[in-house]
Amino acid sequence: MPTAVSTIPAAPSSIAEAHFAAGFSFETDCWDVHESLAAGADFVLLDVRSPALFARGHVPGAINLPHGKLVEHKLAQWPAGTLFVTYCAGPHCNGAARGALRLARLGRPVKIMAGGITGWIDEGFELAREATPD
């Protein structure tokens, strides 16, 4: 008797390959971001949470630009083809997706760092902290 896992058959390998390969066009993970930052990142890492949350702890090297403030004039310092990677609190937060959507609507290349701050901490990576903004 089929289980809950096998009741619906797996997709054919060619379809599964296309599906999983496409996912890497939209997401990266904390480990790859960490390694890329150490090697000299070829992307801009955006923490799209509030300035207060950013100050309490963020990925070292990230720039704080809350998703609601992602507008063209704030991106003018980066060339049009610059890759952005957004993150937020973690899998329970949709801020990274909101930021990615805004960037995509502005015609900017973008990926999400899956896991966000929660994933970063789970990997054992340190957070940078700053003085709380006034």
Protein backbone atom coordinates (compact mmCIF):
# COMPACT_ATOMS: atom_id res chain seq x y z
CA MET A 1 0.00 0.00 0.00
CA PRO A 2 1.46 3.43 -0.96
CA THR A 3 2.47 5.80 1.80
CA ALA A 4 1.76 9.51 1.97
CA VAL A 5 5.16 9.99 0.33
CA SER A 6 4.66 7.65 -2.61
CA THR A 7 0.94 8.13 -3.32
CA ILE A 8 1.79 10.86 -5.80
CA PRO A 9 4.63 9.60 -7.99
CA ALA A 10 7.83 11.58 -8.33
CA ALA A 11 8.16 13.71 -11.46
CA PRO A 12 10.13 12.29 -14.36
CA SER A 13 13.84 12.96 -13.96
CA SER A 14 13.98 15.52 -16.78
CA ILE A 15 11.21 17.57 -15.18
CA ALA A 16 12.74 17.23 -11.71
CA GLU A 17 16.11 18.34 -13.08
CA ALA A 18 14.60 21.47 -14.65
CA HIS A 19 12.68 22.27 -11.47
CA PHE A 20 15.62 21.92 -9.09
CA ALA A 21 18.08 23.66 -11.43
CA ALA A 22 15.72 26.62 -11.76
CA GLY A 23 15.63 26.99 -7.98
CA PHE A 24 19.30 28.02 -7.95
CA SER A 25 18.39 30.99 -10.17
CA PHE A 26 16.21 32.32 -7.35
CA GLU A 27 18.01 31.28 -4.17
CA THR A 28 21.40 30.80 -2.63
CA ASP A 29 22.18 29.56 0.86
CA CYS A 30 23.96 30.91 3.90
CA TRP A 31 27.03 28.74 3.39
CA ASP A 32 27.54 29.93 -0.18
CA VAL A 33 27.04 33.56 0.85
CA HIS A 34 29.54 33.15 3.70
CA GLU A 35 32.15 31.57 1.41
CA SER A 36 31.56 34.17 -1.31
CA LEU A 37 31.89 37.07 1.12
CA ALA A 38 35.20 35.64 2.32
CA ALA A 39 36.43 35.27 -1.28
CA GLY A 40 35.34 38.76 -2.33
CA ALA A 41 31.65 38.95 -3.10
CA ASP A 42 30.43 39.72 -6.61
CA PHE A 43 27.01 40.73 -5.29
CA VAL A 44 25.44 43.19 -2.87
CA LEU A 45 23.98 41.58 0.25
CA LEU A 46 20.87 43.41 1.45
CA ASP A 47 19.39 42.99 4.90
CA VAL A 48 15.83 44.10 4.24
CA ARG A 49 14.74 44.23 7.89
CA SER A 50 14.30 47.37 9.98
CA PRO A 51 17.33 49.43 11.05
CA ALA A 52 16.71 48.41 14.68
CA LEU A 53 16.82 44.69 13.86
CA PHE A 54 19.86 45.23 11.64
CA ALA A 55 21.68 46.95 14.52
CA ARG A 56 20.90 44.05 16.88
CA GLY A 57 22.59 41.58 14.54
CA HIS A 58 23.22 41.17 10.82
CA VAL A 59 25.41 39.30 8.38
CA PRO A 60 28.82 40.99 8.27
CA GLY A 61 29.15 42.94 5.04
CA ALA A 62 25.40 43.37 4.56
CA ILE A 63 23.82 46.71 3.78
CA ASN A 64 20.58 47.62 5.50
CA LEU A 65 17.88 48.68 3.09
CA PRO A 66 14.39 47.75 4.32
CA HIS A 67 12.25 46.14 1.62
CA GLY A 68 9.72 48.96 1.71
CA LYS A 69 12.44 51.48 0.85
CA LEU A 70 13.83 49.65 -2.17
CA VAL A 71 13.38 52.31 -4.83
CA GLU A 72 15.45 53.16 -7.89
CA HIS A 73 17.19 56.25 -6.51
CA LYS A 74 18.50 54.23 -3.54
CA LEU A 75 20.02 51.72 -5.97
CA ALA A 76 21.67 54.32 -8.21
CA GLN A 77 25.11 53.72 -6.70
CA TRP A 78 25.21 50.22 -8.22
CA PRO A 79 25.38 49.45 -11.95
CA ALA A 80 22.20 48.06 -13.51
CA GLY A 81 23.57 44.50 -13.78
CA THR A 82 24.62 44.24 -10.12
CA LEU A 83 23.36 41.06 -8.46
CA PHE A 84 21.54 41.63 -5.18
CA VAL A 85 20.98 38.96 -2.52
CA THR A 86 18.24 39.72 -0.01
CA TYR A 87 17.66 38.22 3.41
CA CYS A 88 15.42 38.78 6.40
CA ALA A 89 14.83 37.07 9.73
CA GLY A 90 14.41 33.55 8.39
CA PRO A 91 12.00 31.04 6.93
CA HIS A 92 9.13 32.46 8.99
CA CYS A 93 9.60 35.90 7.37
CA ASN A 94 8.69 36.99 3.84
CA GLY A 95 10.73 40.21 3.85
CA ALA A 96 13.44 38.72 1.63
CA ALA A 97 10.82 37.74 -0.95
CA ARG A 98 9.21 41.19 -0.73
CA GLY A 99 12.59 42.82 -1.29
CA ALA A 100 13.43 40.44 -4.13
CA LEU A 101 10.12 41.20 -5.80
CA ARG A 102 10.74 44.95 -5.59
CA LEU A 103 14.23 44.53 -7.03
CA ALA A 104 12.93 42.34 -9.85
CA ARG A 105 10.25 44.93 -10.66
CA LEU A 106 13.06 47.51 -10.88
CA GLY A 107 14.82 45.28 -13.39
CA ARG A 108 17.61 44.26 -10.99
CA PRO A 109 19.09 40.75 -10.84
CA VAL A 110 18.23 39.23 -7.46
CA LYS A 111 18.37 36.08 -5.36
CA ILE A 112 17.23 35.30 -1.83
CA MET A 113 19.55 33.94 0.85
CA ALA A 114 17.48 30.99 2.06
CA GLY A 115 17.28 30.75 5.82
CA GLY A 116 18.00 34.41 6.54
CA ILE A 117 19.44 35.28 9.95
CA THR A 118 18.09 32.03 11.40
CA GLY A 119 19.95 29.99 8.78
CA TRP A 120 23.11 32.06 9.25
CA ILE A 121 23.11 31.35 12.98
CA ASP A 122 22.24 27.67 12.40
CA GLU A 123 25.38 27.38 10.24
CA GLY A 124 27.42 28.67 13.21
CA PHE A 125 28.32 32.00 11.60
CA GLU A 126 28.73 35.14 13.68
CA LEU A 127 26.56 38.24 13.41
CA ALA A 128 27.85 41.78 13.32
CA ARG A 129 26.25 44.21 15.74
CA GLU A 130 26.02 47.99 15.76
CA ALA A 131 24.86 50.64 18.14
CA THR A 132 21.08 50.85 18.18
CA PRO A 133 19.92 53.75 15.99
CA ASP A 134 18.33 56.69 17.76
